[in-house]
Amino acid sequence: MIVIPITESMVEPEKFPRVLAVTMAIVALIFGSVGALCYSSFGSEIQTIVLLNFPVRDGMTILSVPLMLSPAYH
């Protein structure tokens, strides 16, 4: 994992657990906020993949296909 090199490169490695906890809390807050925003926007009919909720008739929806395929490509 990458945790050991990060810890070893820190000036004060004993602070790593706190930095990791704060970082994970911020990431969880961001994910939770985006999820709540999407749920409030689309309601209980929301799809698991948010991009599937966009109207098909919109031209911008077609541009989202590479974004959906990016994780599968990597």
PDB file of N, CA and C in Angstrom:
ATOM      1  N   MET A   1       0.829  -1.186   0.000  1.00  0.00           N
ATOM      2  CA  MET A   1       0.000   0.000   0.000  1.00  0.00           C
ATOM      3  C   MET A   1       0.864   1.236   0.000  1.00  0.00           C
ATOM      4  N   ILE A   2       0.235   2.352  -0.185  1.00  0.00           N
ATOM      5  CA  ILE A   2       0.947   3.619  -0.239  1.00  0.00           C
ATOM      6  C   ILE A   2       1.024   4.297   1.127  1.00  0.00           C
ATOM      7  N   VAL A   3       0.401   3.725   2.131  1.00  0.00           N
ATOM      8  CA  VAL A   3       0.371   4.333   3.465  1.00  0.00           C
ATOM      9  C   VAL A   3       1.756   4.394   4.083  1.00  0.00           C
ATOM     10  N   ILE A   4       2.532   3.361   3.960  1.00  0.00           N
ATOM     11  CA  ILE A   4       3.855   3.326   4.588  1.00  0.00           C
ATOM     12  C   ILE A   4       4.774   4.410   4.012  1.00  0.00           C
ATOM     13  N   PRO A   5       4.878   4.581   2.682  1.00  0.00           N
ATOM     14  CA  PRO A   5       5.736   5.667   2.177  1.00  0.00           C
ATOM     15  C   PRO A   5       5.254   7.054   2.598  1.00  0.00           C
ATOM     16  N   ILE A   6       3.937   7.248   2.689  1.00  0.00           N
ATOM     17  CA  ILE A   6       3.430   8.549   3.126  1.00  0.00           C
ATOM     18  C   ILE A   6       3.821   8.793   4.578  1.00  0.00           C
ATOM     19  N   THR A   7       3.635   7.792   5.415  1.00  0.00           N
ATOM     20  CA  THR A   7       3.976   7.929   6.829  1.00  0.00           C
ATOM     21  C   THR A   7       5.463   8.205   7.010  1.00  0.00           C
ATOM     22  N   GLU A   8       6.299   7.504   6.273  1.00  0.00           N
ATOM     23  CA  GLU A   8       7.746   7.679   6.398  1.00  0.00           C
ATOM     24  C   GLU A   8       8.220   9.022   5.875  1.00  0.00           C
ATOM     25  N   SER A   9       7.491   9.624   4.941  1.00  0.00           N
ATOM     26  CA  SER A   9       7.912  10.909   4.387  1.00  0.00           C
ATOM     27  C   SER A   9       7.417  12.098   5.210  1.00  0.00           C
ATOM     28  N   MET A  10       6.573  11.850   6.196  1.00  0.00           N
ATOM     29  CA  MET A  10       6.057  12.938   7.022  1.00  0.00           C
ATOM     30  C   MET A  10       7.117  13.419   8.012  1.00  0.00           C
ATOM     31  N   VAL A  11       7.070  14.711   8.325  1.00  0.00           N
ATOM     32  CA  VAL A  11       7.981  15.273   9.323  1.00  0.00           C
ATOM     33  C   VAL A  11       7.616  14.741  10.710  1.00  0.00           C
ATOM     34  N   GLU A  12       6.301  14.648  10.970  1.00  0.00           N
ATOM     35  CA  GLU A  12       5.814  14.132  12.248  1.00  0.00           C
ATOM     36  C   GLU A  12       4.901  12.937  11.971  1.00  0.00           C
ATOM     37  N   PRO A  13       5.471  11.754  11.772  1.00  0.00           N
ATOM     38  CA  PRO A  13       4.662  10.590  11.390  1.00  0.00           C
ATOM     39  C   PRO A  13       3.657  10.158  12.448  1.00  0.00           C
ATOM     40  N   GLU A  14       3.831  10.576  13.684  1.00  0.00           N
ATOM     41  CA  GLU A  14       2.870  10.200  14.717  1.00  0.00           C
ATOM     42  C   GLU A  14       1.516  10.881  14.517  1.00  0.00           C
ATOM     43  N   LYS A  15       1.472  11.909  13.682  1.00  0.00           N
ATOM     44  CA  LYS A  15       0.207  12.601  13.395  1.00  0.00           C
ATOM     45  C   LYS A  15      -0.562  11.951  12.235  1.00  0.00           C
ATOM     46  N   PHE A  16       0.003  10.928  11.625  1.00  0.00           N
ATOM     47  CA  PHE A  16      -0.635  10.316  10.466  1.00  0.00           C
ATOM     48  C   PHE A  16      -2.034   9.768  10.751  1.00  0.00           C
ATOM     49  N   PRO A  17      -2.275   9.056  11.847  1.00  0.00           N
ATOM     50  CA  PRO A  17      -3.639   8.554  12.082  1.00  0.00           C
ATOM     51  C   PRO A  17      -4.690   9.661  12.120  1.00  0.00           C
ATOM     52  N   ARG A  18      -4.340  10.797  12.706  1.00  0.00           N
ATOM     53  CA  ARG A  18      -5.296  11.915  12.758  1.00  0.00           C
ATOM     54  C   ARG A  18      -5.519  12.501  11.366  1.00  0.00           C
ATOM     55  N   VAL A  19      -4.446  12.684  10.613  1.00  0.00           N
ATOM     56  CA  VAL A  19      -4.565  13.207   9.246  1.00  0.00           C
ATOM     57  C   VAL A  19      -5.411  12.264   8.398  1.00  0.00           C
ATOM     58  N   LEU A  20      -5.180  10.977   8.536  1.00  0.00           N
ATOM     59  CA  LEU A  20      -5.951   9.986   7.782  1.00  0.00           C
ATOM     60  C   LEU A  20      -7.431  10.035   8.171  1.00  0.00           C
ATOM     61  N   ALA A  21      -7.719  10.137   9.445  1.00  0.00           N
ATOM     62  CA  ALA A  21      -9.106  10.183   9.914  1.00  0.00           C
ATOM     63  C   ALA A  21      -9.824  11.436   9.404  1.00  0.00           C
ATOM     64  N   VAL A  22      -9.162  12.578   9.473  1.00  0.00           N
ATOM     65  CA  VAL A  22      -9.767  13.820   8.984  1.00  0.00           C
ATOM     66  C   VAL A  22      -9.999  13.751   7.483  1.00  0.00           C
ATOM     67  N   THR A  23      -9.023  13.230   6.754  1.00  0.00           N
ATOM     68  CA  THR A  23      -9.164  13.103   5.306  1.00  0.00           C
ATOM     69  C   THR A  23     -10.320  12.182   4.945  1.00  0.00           C
ATOM     70  N   MET A  24     -10.420  11.047   5.607  1.00  0.00           N
ATOM     71  CA  MET A  24     -11.508  10.110   5.325  1.00  0.00           C
ATOM     72  C   MET A  24     -12.866  10.712   5.679  1.00  0.00           C
ATOM     73  N   ALA A  25     -12.926  11.498   6.753  1.00  0.00           N
ATOM     74  CA  ALA A  25     -14.174  12.160   7.131  1.00  0.00           C
ATOM     75  C   ALA A  25     -14.592  13.184   6.080  1.00  0.00           C
ATOM     76  N   ILE A  26     -13.631  13.937   5.559  1.00  0.00           N
ATOM     77  CA  ILE A  26     -13.944  14.917   4.516  1.00  0.00           C
ATOM     78  C   ILE A  26     -14.428  14.226   3.250  1.00  0.00           C
ATOM     79  N   VAL A  27     -13.765  13.153   2.854  1.00  0.00           N
ATOM     80  CA  VAL A  27     -14.178  12.411   1.659  1.00  0.00           C
ATOM     81  C   VAL A  27     -15.572  11.825   1.851  1.00  0.00           C
ATOM     82  N   ALA A  28     -15.844  11.258   3.015  1.00  0.00           N
ATOM     83  CA  ALA A  28     -17.174  10.712   3.299  1.00  0.00           C
ATOM     84  C   ALA A  28     -18.234  11.802   3.273  1.00  0.00           C
ATOM     85  N   LEU A  29     -17.908  12.975   3.790  1.00  0.00           N
ATOM     86  CA  LEU A  29     -18.841  14.098   3.777  1.00  0.00           C
ATOM     87  C   LEU A  29     -19.145  14.545   2.350  1.00  0.00           C
ATOM     88  N   ILE A  30     -18.120  14.597   1.515  1.00  0.00           N
ATOM     89  CA  ILE A  30     -18.323  14.982   0.112  1.00  0.00           C
ATOM     90  C   ILE A  30     -19.201  13.948  -0.595  1.00  0.00           C
ATOM     91  N   PHE A  31     -18.880  12.653  -0.435  1.00  0.00           N
ATOM     92  CA  PHE A  31     -19.691  11.613  -1.076  1.00  0.00           C
ATOM     93  C   PHE A  31     -21.126  11.640  -0.577  1.00  0.00           C
ATOM     94  N   GLY A  32     -21.300  11.806   0.727  1.00  0.00           N
ATOM     95  CA  GLY A  32     -22.637  11.871   1.290  1.00  0.00           C
ATOM     96  C   GLY A  32     -23.420  13.076   0.788  1.00  0.00           C
ATOM     97  N   SER A  33     -22.749  14.218   0.670  1.00  0.00           N
ATOM     98  CA  SER A  33     -23.403  15.432   0.170  1.00  0.00           C
ATOM     99  C   SER A  33     -23.834  15.278  -1.284  1.00  0.00           C
ATOM    100  N   VAL A  34     -22.970  14.705  -2.107  1.00  0.00           N
ATOM    101  CA  VAL A  34     -23.323  14.489  -3.512  1.00  0.00           C
ATOM    102  C   VAL A  34     -24.476  13.496  -3.614  1.00  0.00           C
ATOM    103  N   GLY A  35     -24.451  12.440  -2.814  1.00  0.00           N
ATOM    104  CA  GLY A  35     -25.542  11.472  -2.813  1.00  0.00           C
ATOM    105  C   GLY A  35     -26.855  12.095  -2.384  1.00  0.00           C
ATOM    106  N   ALA A  36     -26.825  12.912  -1.337  1.00  0.00           N
ATOM    107  CA  ALA A  36     -28.040  13.580  -0.867  1.00  0.00           C
ATOM    108  C   ALA A  36     -28.557  14.574  -1.891  1.00  0.00           C
ATOM    109  N   LEU A  37     -27.651  15.293  -2.546  1.00  0.00           N
ATOM    110  CA  LEU A  37     -28.054  16.238  -3.584  1.00  0.00           C
ATOM    111  C   LEU A  37     -28.719  15.523  -4.756  1.00  0.00           C
ATOM    112  N   CYS A  38     -28.129  14.415  -5.178  1.00  0.00           N
ATOM    113  CA  CYS A  38     -28.706  13.652  -6.291  1.00  0.00           C
ATOM    114  C   CYS A  38     -30.057  13.055  -5.906  1.00  0.00           C
ATOM    115  N   TYR A  39     -30.152  12.551  -4.689  1.00  0.00           N
ATOM    116  CA  TYR A  39     -31.422  11.975  -4.240  1.00  0.00           C
ATOM    117  C   TYR A  39     -32.492  13.053  -4.154  1.00  0.00           C
ATOM    118  N   SER A  40     -32.127  14.245  -3.670  1.00  0.00           N
ATOM    119  CA  SER A  40     -33.117  15.320  -3.588  1.00  0.00           C
ATOM    120  C   SER A  40     -33.488  15.843  -4.968  1.00  0.00           C
ATOM    121  N   SER A  41     -32.565  15.749  -5.928  1.00  0.00           N
ATOM    122  CA  SER A  41     -32.858  16.213  -7.285  1.00  0.00           C
ATOM    123  C   SER A  41     -33.746  15.246  -8.054  1.00  0.00           C
ATOM    124  N   PHE A  42     -33.472  13.943  -7.941  1.00  0.00           N
ATOM    125  CA  PHE A  42     -34.164  12.952  -8.748  1.00  0.00           C
ATOM    126  C   PHE A  42     -35.248  12.197  -7.983  1.00  0.00           C
ATOM    127  N   GLY A  43     -35.281  12.297  -6.672  1.00  0.00           N
ATOM    128  CA  GLY A  43     -36.309  11.631  -5.872  1.00  0.00           C
ATOM    129  C   GLY A  43     -36.038  10.150  -5.694  1.00  0.00           C
ATOM    130  N   SER A  44     -37.070   9.425  -5.300  1.00  0.00           N
ATOM    131  CA  SER A  44     -36.906   8.003  -5.002  1.00  0.00           C
ATOM    132  C   SER A  44     -36.761   7.148  -6.266  1.00  0.00           C
ATOM    133  N   GLU A  45     -36.968   7.722  -7.419  1.00  0.00           N
ATOM    134  CA  GLU A  45     -36.813   6.997  -8.690  1.00  0.00           C
ATOM    135  C   GLU A  45     -35.375   7.033  -9.202  1.00  0.00           C
ATOM    136  N   ILE A  46     -34.444   7.425  -8.370  1.00  0.00           N
ATOM    137  CA  ILE A  46     -33.053   7.593  -8.792  1.00  0.00           C
ATOM    138  C   ILE A  46     -32.436   6.241  -9.179  1.00  0.00           C
ATOM    139  N   GLN A  47     -31.616   6.263 -10.210  1.00  0.00           N
ATOM    140  CA  GLN A  47     -30.872   5.087 -10.655  1.00  0.00           C
ATOM    141  C   GLN A  47     -29.556   5.009  -9.879  1.00  0.00           C
ATOM    142  N   THR A  48     -28.970   3.841  -9.828  1.00  0.00           N
ATOM    143  CA  THR A  48     -27.709   3.663  -9.111  1.00  0.00           C
ATOM    144  C   THR A  48     -26.603   4.503  -9.731  1.00  0.00           C
ATOM    145  N   ILE A  49     -26.535   4.518 -11.040  1.00  0.00           N
ATOM    146  CA  ILE A  49     -25.574   5.354 -11.753  1.00  0.00           C
ATOM    147  C   ILE A  49     -26.277   6.663 -12.071  1.00  0.00           C
ATOM    148  N   VAL A  50     -25.797   7.747 -11.501  1.00  0.00           N
ATOM    149  CA  VAL A  50     -26.491   9.028 -11.599  1.00  0.00           C
ATOM    150  C   VAL A  50     -26.642   9.487 -13.043  1.00  0.00           C
ATOM    151  N   LEU A  51     -25.676   9.189 -13.888  1.00  0.00           N
ATOM    152  CA  LEU A  51     -25.745   9.634 -15.279  1.00  0.00           C
ATOM    153  C   LEU A  51     -26.923   9.006 -16.026  1.00  0.00           C
ATOM    154  N   LEU A  52     -27.436   7.880 -15.543  1.00  0.00           N
ATOM    155  CA  LEU A  52     -28.602   7.257 -16.186  1.00  0.00           C
ATOM    156  C   LEU A  52     -29.883   8.037 -15.918  1.00  0.00           C
ATOM    157  N   ASN A  53     -29.862   8.964 -15.004  1.00  0.00           N
ATOM    158  CA  ASN A  53     -31.034   9.772 -14.691  1.00  0.00           C
ATOM    159  C   ASN A  53     -31.219  10.947 -15.644  1.00  0.00           C
ATOM    160  N   PHE A  54     -30.205  11.282 -16.407  1.00  0.00           N
ATOM    161  CA  PHE A  54     -30.310  12.411 -17.325  1.00  0.00           C
ATOM    162  C   PHE A  54     -31.225  12.048 -18.488  1.00  0.00           C
ATOM    163  N   PRO A  55     -31.944  13.026 -19.029  1.00  0.00           N
ATOM    164  CA  PRO A  55     -32.831  12.738 -20.155  1.00  0.00           C
ATOM    165  C   PRO A  55     -32.037  12.349 -21.397  1.00  0.00           C
ATOM    166  N   VAL A  56     -32.520  11.338 -22.100  1.00  0.00           N
ATOM    167  CA  VAL A  56     -31.802  10.828 -23.277  1.00  0.00           C
ATOM    168  C   VAL A  56     -31.861  11.828 -24.429  1.00  0.00           C
ATOM    169  N   ARG A  57     -32.900  12.641 -24.485  1.00  0.00           N
ATOM    170  CA  ARG A  57     -33.061  13.582 -25.593  1.00  0.00           C
ATOM    171  C   ARG A  57     -32.057  14.724 -25.550  1.00  0.00           C
ATOM    172  N   ASP A  58     -31.398  14.904 -24.423  1.00  0.00           N
ATOM    173  CA  ASP A  58     -30.435  15.981 -24.266  1.00  0.00           C
ATOM    174  C   ASP A  58     -29.102  15.595 -24.893  1.00  0.00           C
ATOM    175  N   GLY A  59     -28.513  16.483 -25.673  1.00  0.00           N
ATOM    176  CA  GLY A  59     -27.241  16.203 -26.336  1.00  0.00           C
ATOM    177  C   GLY A  59     -26.087  16.055 -25.367  1.00  0.00           C
ATOM    178  N   MET A  60     -26.167  16.705 -24.228  1.00  0.00           N
ATOM    179  CA  MET A  60     -25.092  16.617 -23.244  1.00  0.00           C
ATOM    180  C   MET A  60     -25.020  15.230 -22.613  1.00  0.00           C
ATOM    181  N   THR A  61     -26.125  14.500 -22.633  1.00  0.00           N
ATOM    182  CA  THR A  61     -26.135  13.149 -22.076  1.00  0.00           C
ATOM    183  C   THR A  61     -25.204  12.238 -22.857  1.00  0.00           C
ATOM    184  N   ILE A  62     -25.150  12.424 -24.148  1.00  0.00           N
ATOM    185  CA  ILE A  62     -24.275  11.599 -24.991  1.00  0.00           C
ATOM    186  C   ILE A  62     -22.806  11.830 -24.610  1.00  0.00           C
ATOM    187  N   LEU A  63     -22.484  13.057 -24.215  1.00  0.00           N
ATOM    188  CA  LEU A  63     -21.108  13.365 -23.840  1.00  0.00           C
ATOM    189  C   LEU A  63     -20.706  12.724 -22.521  1.00  0.00           C
ATOM    190  N   SER A  64     -21.665  12.214 -21.764  1.00  0.00           N
ATOM    191  CA  SER A  64     -21.345  11.589 -20.485  1.00  0.00           C
ATOM    192  C   SER A  64     -20.938  10.124 -20.635  1.00  0.00           C
ATOM    193  N   VAL A  65     -21.112   9.547 -21.814  1.00  0.00           N
ATOM    194  CA  VAL A  65     -20.771   8.140 -22.031  1.00  0.00           C
ATOM    195  C   VAL A  65     -19.282   7.881 -21.769  1.00  0.00           C
ATOM    196  N   PRO A  66     -18.337   8.706 -22.276  1.00  0.00           N
ATOM    197  CA  PRO A  66     -16.927   8.456 -21.944  1.00  0.00           C
ATOM    198  C   PRO A  66     -16.650   8.518 -20.446  1.00  0.00           C
ATOM    199  N   LEU A  67     -17.383   9.368 -19.743  1.00  0.00           N
ATOM    200  CA  LEU A  67     -17.205   9.455 -18.298  1.00  0.00           C
ATOM    201  C   LEU A  67     -17.639   8.164 -17.620  1.00  0.00           C
ATOM    202  N   MET A  68     -18.701   7.544 -18.087  1.00  0.00           N
ATOM    203  CA  MET A  68     -19.162   6.279 -17.515  1.00  0.00           C
ATOM    204  C   MET A  68     -18.220   5.133 -17.854  1.00  0.00           C
ATOM    205  N   LEU A  69     -17.640   5.164 -19.037  1.00  0.00           N
ATOM    206  CA  LEU A  69     -16.776   4.070 -19.480  1.00  0.00           C
ATOM    207  C   LEU A  69     -15.343   4.192 -18.958  1.00  0.00           C
ATOM    208  N   SER A  70     -14.976   5.332 -18.436  1.00  0.00           N
ATOM    209  CA  SER A  70     -13.609   5.549 -17.971  1.00  0.00           C
ATOM    210  C   SER A  70     -13.182   4.549 -16.894  1.00  0.00           C
ATOM    211  N   PRO A  71     -13.978   4.295 -15.840  1.00  0.00           N
ATOM    212  CA  PRO A  71     -13.525   3.312 -14.836  1.00  0.00           C
ATOM    213  C   PRO A  71     -13.364   1.910 -15.412  1.00  0.00           C
ATOM    214  N   ALA A  72     -14.217   1.533 -16.342  1.00  0.00           N
ATOM    215  CA  ALA A  72     -14.107   0.205 -16.939  1.00  0.00           C
ATOM    216  C   ALA A  72     -12.842   0.105 -17.809  1.00  0.00           C
ATOM    217  N   TYR A  73     -12.459   1.194 -18.425  1.00  0.00           N
ATOM    218  CA  TYR A  73     -11.277   1.202 -19.273  1.00  0.00           C
ATOM    219  C   TYR A  73     -10.007   1.039 -18.436  1.00  0.00           C
ATOM    220  N   HIS A  74      -9.975   1.690 -17.292  1.00  0.00           N
ATOM    221  CA  HIS A  74      -8.778   1.636 -16.436  1.00  0.00           C
ATOM    222  C   HIS A  74      -8.770   0.356 -15.647  1.00  0.00           C
TER     223      HIS A  74
END
